[in-house]
Amino acid sequence: MGFLRRVVNVFRLYVAIIVIFCYTRGMKKVSSYNFDGNYKAREHMAILIARIVMAEVVLAFVGVFLNFPIFASDASKLDLGTNFYVRIIFLGLSLVVFIYLLLGWNYKYYIVSPHSISSNSGIIVRKAQSIDIPAVRSVIVNQSFFGRILGYGTLSLESPLLEEHFLMENLPNPFRHATLIEKARLEAIEKMGAENIIISKEPPKTEETA
């Protein structure tokens, strides 16, 4: 059971780093989101923690399966030099996986404004996609069992301009986001309708001929 204690200790350290990182990133409550300006939304923190837990568990079981010294219950019976280097390798690998997952979570975000929504992801190769708010025809909220318990879900935006649905994955408090987007969509449609009425009321232009 020694390897389990090591996994738990590493996991506690990573969770502390995640909390500090998210706090310094200035994450705010979803209830404070509004359309006074653009706001940025990321995946729920539970998704990041779940990915890290799965990665660390896989690394731990690989170490047990291969009987690496770092996971041995009695490390004193092993060669100290080999044990030291293997520990460094596995801890380094664990740290690389953690940093990769953390950066992947940090660089995947959505920017929502009264006029458009953009999706950005990727650490090295960036991928961006956007959709205009007036082009949205429907907003669907999908929640899994754990999503309902932890309060996250995926928004699926349908638009005739896109071949596939525009997805906003694993957002915290998805119904809050859906309400804001739907409100912005209706306001944009009303504004476009009012502009069309004003234009239609303008008298037709006539040309004078000599």
Protein backbone atom coordinates (compact mmCIF):
# COMPACT_ATOMS: atom_id res chain seq x y z
CA MET A 1 0.00 0.00 0.00
CA GLY A 2 3.04 2.24 0.00
CA PHE A 3 2.48 3.38 -3.58
CA LEU A 4 -1.07 4.46 -2.73
CA ARG A 5 0.21 6.75 0.00
CA ARG A 6 2.69 8.25 -2.46
CA VAL A 7 -0.04 8.79 -5.04
CA VAL A 8 -2.27 10.45 -2.44
CA ASN A 9 0.52 12.76 -1.29
CA VAL A 10 1.36 13.78 -4.85
CA PHE A 11 -2.32 14.33 -5.57
CA ARG A 12 -2.70 16.57 -2.50
CA LEU A 13 0.23 18.66 -3.68
CA TYR A 14 -1.25 19.00 -7.15
CA VAL A 15 -4.66 19.99 -5.81
CA ALA A 16 -3.04 22.72 -3.69
CA ILE A 17 -1.21 24.00 -6.78
CA ILE A 18 -4.45 23.97 -8.80
CA VAL A 19 -6.33 25.96 -6.16
CA ILE A 20 -3.55 28.56 -5.91
CA PHE A 21 -3.24 28.77 -9.69
CA CYS A 22 -6.97 29.22 -10.24
CA TYR A 23 -7.16 31.83 -7.50
CA THR A 24 -4.30 33.85 -8.96
CA ARG A 25 -5.92 33.63 -12.38
CA GLY A 26 -8.75 35.71 -10.98
CA MET A 27 -11.57 33.22 -11.39
CA LYS A 28 -14.88 34.76 -10.40
CA LYS A 29 -18.28 33.43 -9.52
CA VAL A 30 -20.49 32.59 -12.45
CA SER A 31 -23.27 34.66 -10.89
CA SER A 32 -21.13 37.76 -11.48
CA TYR A 33 -20.92 37.15 -15.23
CA ASN A 34 -22.73 39.80 -17.21
CA PHE A 35 -22.60 41.51 -20.55
CA ASP A 36 -21.23 44.84 -19.38
CA GLY A 37 -18.18 43.58 -21.27
CA ASN A 38 -16.62 40.37 -22.52
CA TYR A 39 -16.06 37.57 -20.03
CA LYS A 40 -13.94 34.45 -20.17
CA ALA A 41 -15.25 31.01 -19.18
CA ARG A 42 -13.27 27.81 -18.62
CA GLU A 43 -14.08 24.20 -17.90
CA HIS A 44 -15.11 23.27 -14.37
CA MET A 45 -12.19 22.66 -12.02
CA ALA A 46 -13.54 19.16 -11.31
CA ILE A 47 -12.72 18.19 -14.91
CA LEU A 48 -9.08 19.18 -14.43
CA ILE A 49 -8.82 17.32 -11.13
CA ALA A 50 -10.43 14.20 -12.62
CA ARG A 51 -7.95 14.17 -15.51
CA ILE A 52 -5.00 14.53 -13.14
CA VAL A 53 -6.29 11.76 -10.87
CA MET A 54 -6.74 9.39 -13.82
CA ALA A 55 -3.26 10.17 -15.15
CA GLU A 56 -1.58 9.66 -11.76
CA VAL A 57 -3.46 6.41 -11.12
CA VAL A 58 -2.39 5.08 -14.52
CA LEU A 59 1.23 6.00 -13.78
CA ALA A 60 1.00 4.33 -10.38
CA PHE A 61 -0.39 1.07 -11.75
CA VAL A 62 2.19 1.05 -14.52
CA GLY A 63 4.88 1.38 -11.86
CA VAL A 64 3.39 -1.48 -9.84
CA PHE A 65 2.98 -3.66 -12.92
CA LEU A 66 6.63 -3.12 -13.92
CA ASN A 67 7.75 -3.37 -10.27
CA PHE A 68 9.60 -0.07 -10.29
CA PRO A 69 11.38 0.81 -7.03
CA ILE A 70 9.48 4.05 -6.51
CA PHE A 71 6.35 2.04 -5.78
CA ALA A 72 7.99 -0.70 -3.73
CA SER A 73 6.79 -1.11 -0.15
CA ASP A 74 10.30 -1.86 1.11
CA ALA A 75 12.70 0.42 -0.74
CA SER A 76 15.57 -0.41 1.65
CA LYS A 77 16.07 -3.79 -0.05
CA LEU A 78 16.65 -2.14 -3.43
CA ASP A 79 19.79 -0.67 -4.90
CA LEU A 80 19.93 2.89 -3.62
CA GLY A 81 21.35 4.32 -6.86
CA THR A 82 18.78 2.65 -9.08
CA ASN A 83 15.99 3.54 -6.68
CA PHE A 84 17.02 7.22 -6.68
CA TYR A 85 17.17 7.60 -10.47
CA VAL A 86 13.91 5.72 -11.05
CA ARG A 87 12.20 7.92 -8.49
CA ILE A 88 13.47 11.03 -10.27
CA ILE A 89 12.29 9.71 -13.64
CA PHE A 90 8.79 8.87 -12.41
CA LEU A 91 8.39 12.05 -10.42
CA GLY A 92 9.57 14.02 -13.44
CA LEU A 93 7.12 12.18 -15.69
CA SER A 94 4.34 12.81 -13.20
CA LEU A 95 5.20 16.51 -13.10
CA VAL A 96 5.28 16.76 -16.91
CA VAL A 97 1.83 15.16 -17.16
CA PHE A 98 0.50 17.50 -14.48
CA ILE A 99 1.88 20.62 -16.18
CA TYR A 100 0.56 19.47 -19.56
CA LEU A 101 -2.96 18.93 -18.20
CA LEU A 102 -2.88 22.21 -16.28
CA LEU A 103 -1.76 24.21 -19.31
CA GLY A 104 -4.28 22.44 -21.52
CA TRP A 105 -7.04 23.46 -19.10
CA ASN A 106 -5.73 27.01 -18.84
CA TYR A 107 -5.45 27.57 -22.59
CA LYS A 108 -8.88 26.17 -23.36
CA TYR A 109 -11.44 28.89 -22.77
CA TYR A 110 -14.43 30.66 -24.24
CA ILE A 111 -14.84 34.41 -24.64
CA VAL A 112 -18.47 35.48 -24.51
CA SER A 113 -19.69 38.91 -25.54
CA PRO A 114 -23.06 40.41 -26.50
CA HIS A 115 -22.13 40.00 -30.15
CA SER A 116 -20.18 36.76 -30.49
CA ILE A 117 -18.73 33.70 -28.76
CA SER A 118 -15.24 32.40 -29.49
CA SER A 119 -13.61 29.11 -28.54
CA ASN A 120 -9.84 28.90 -28.03
CA SER A 121 -7.78 25.80 -27.26
CA GLY A 122 -4.34 24.28 -27.74
CA ILE A 123 -0.96 24.74 -26.07
CA ILE A 124 1.41 24.71 -29.04
CA VAL A 125 -1.00 24.66 -31.97
CA ARG A 126 -3.85 27.06 -31.28
CA LYS A 127 -7.37 26.33 -32.50
CA ALA A 128 -9.99 29.06 -32.60
CA GLN A 129 -13.64 29.10 -33.63
CA SER A 130 -16.31 31.75 -33.28
CA ILE A 131 -20.02 32.21 -33.79
CA ASP A 132 -22.11 35.37 -33.94
CA ILE A 133 -24.81 35.65 -31.29
CA PRO A 134 -27.58 36.55 -33.80
CA ALA A 135 -26.71 33.39 -35.78
CA VAL A 136 -27.52 31.13 -32.82
CA ARG A 137 -30.85 29.37 -33.32
CA SER A 138 -30.98 27.30 -30.14
CA VAL A 139 -29.05 26.70 -26.92
CA ILE A 140 -29.13 23.18 -25.46
CA VAL A 141 -27.65 22.25 -22.07
CA ASN A 142 -26.35 18.68 -21.68
CA GLN A 143 -25.46 17.39 -18.21
CA SER A 144 -24.16 14.00 -17.17
CA PHE A 145 -24.89 12.39 -13.82
CA PHE A 146 -21.72 13.81 -12.27
CA GLY A 147 -22.36 17.10 -14.04
CA ARG A 148 -25.66 17.50 -12.23
CA ILE A 149 -24.01 16.71 -8.89
CA LEU A 150 -20.99 18.99 -9.34
CA GLY A 151 -22.77 21.70 -11.29
CA TYR A 152 -21.20 21.62 -14.75
CA GLY A 153 -22.47 20.89 -18.23
CA THR A 154 -21.92 21.35 -21.95
CA LEU A 155 -23.70 23.96 -24.04
CA SER A 156 -24.58 23.03 -27.61
CA LEU A 157 -25.27 26.01 -29.85
CA GLU A 158 -27.03 25.37 -33.14
CA SER A 159 -26.56 27.65 -36.13
CA PRO A 160 -27.44 27.23 -39.81
CA LEU A 161 -24.06 28.80 -40.63
CA LEU A 162 -22.14 25.91 -39.04
CA GLU A 163 -22.03 22.29 -40.19
CA GLU A 164 -21.72 21.06 -36.59
CA HIS A 165 -22.97 22.38 -33.27
CA PHE A 166 -20.76 24.90 -31.49
CA LEU A 167 -19.86 23.23 -28.18
CA MET A 168 -18.93 24.93 -24.92
CA GLU A 169 -17.75 21.97 -22.89
CA ASN A 170 -17.96 21.32 -19.15
CA LEU A 171 -18.79 24.87 -18.07
CA PRO A 172 -19.63 25.56 -14.41
CA ASN A 173 -23.26 26.54 -13.89
CA PRO A 174 -24.19 25.96 -17.55
CA PHE A 175 -27.77 27.22 -17.19
CA ARG A 176 -26.43 30.63 -16.17
CA HIS A 177 -24.39 30.82 -19.37
CA ALA A 178 -27.32 29.54 -21.44
CA THR A 179 -29.58 32.25 -20.00
CA LEU A 180 -27.07 35.00 -20.78
CA ILE A 181 -26.55 33.76 -24.35
CA GLU A 182 -30.28 33.42 -24.97
CA LYS A 183 -30.90 36.90 -23.59
CA ALA A 184 -28.16 38.35 -25.81
CA ARG A 185 -29.57 36.50 -28.81
CA LEU A 186 -33.07 37.91 -28.31
CA GLU A 187 -31.75 41.42 -27.76
CA ALA A 188 -29.67 41.17 -30.95
CA ILE A 189 -32.68 39.97 -32.94
CA GLU A 190 -34.85 42.79 -31.57
CA LYS A 191 -32.15 45.33 -32.38
CA MET A 192 -31.83 44.03 -35.93
CA GLY A 193 -35.61 44.16 -36.33
CA ALA A 194 -35.76 47.75 -35.09
CA GLU A 195 -33.01 48.78 -37.49
CA ASN A 196 -34.86 47.18 -40.39
CA ILE A 197 -38.05 49.06 -39.44
CA ILE A 198 -36.20 52.39 -39.32
CA ILE A 199 -34.59 51.73 -42.70
CA SER A 200 -37.93 50.69 -44.25
CA LYS A 201 -39.57 53.93 -43.08
CA GLU A 202 -37.07 56.12 -44.91
CA PRO A 203 -38.63 57.71 -48.03
CA PRO A 204 -37.38 56.34 -51.30
CA LYS A 205 -34.75 58.38 -53.03
CA THR A 206 -35.66 59.97 -56.36
CA GLU A 207 -33.43 61.25 -59.03
CA GLU A 208 -34.22 64.47 -60.88
CA THR A 209 -33.76 64.48 -64.58
CA ALA A 210 -33.35 67.56 -66.63
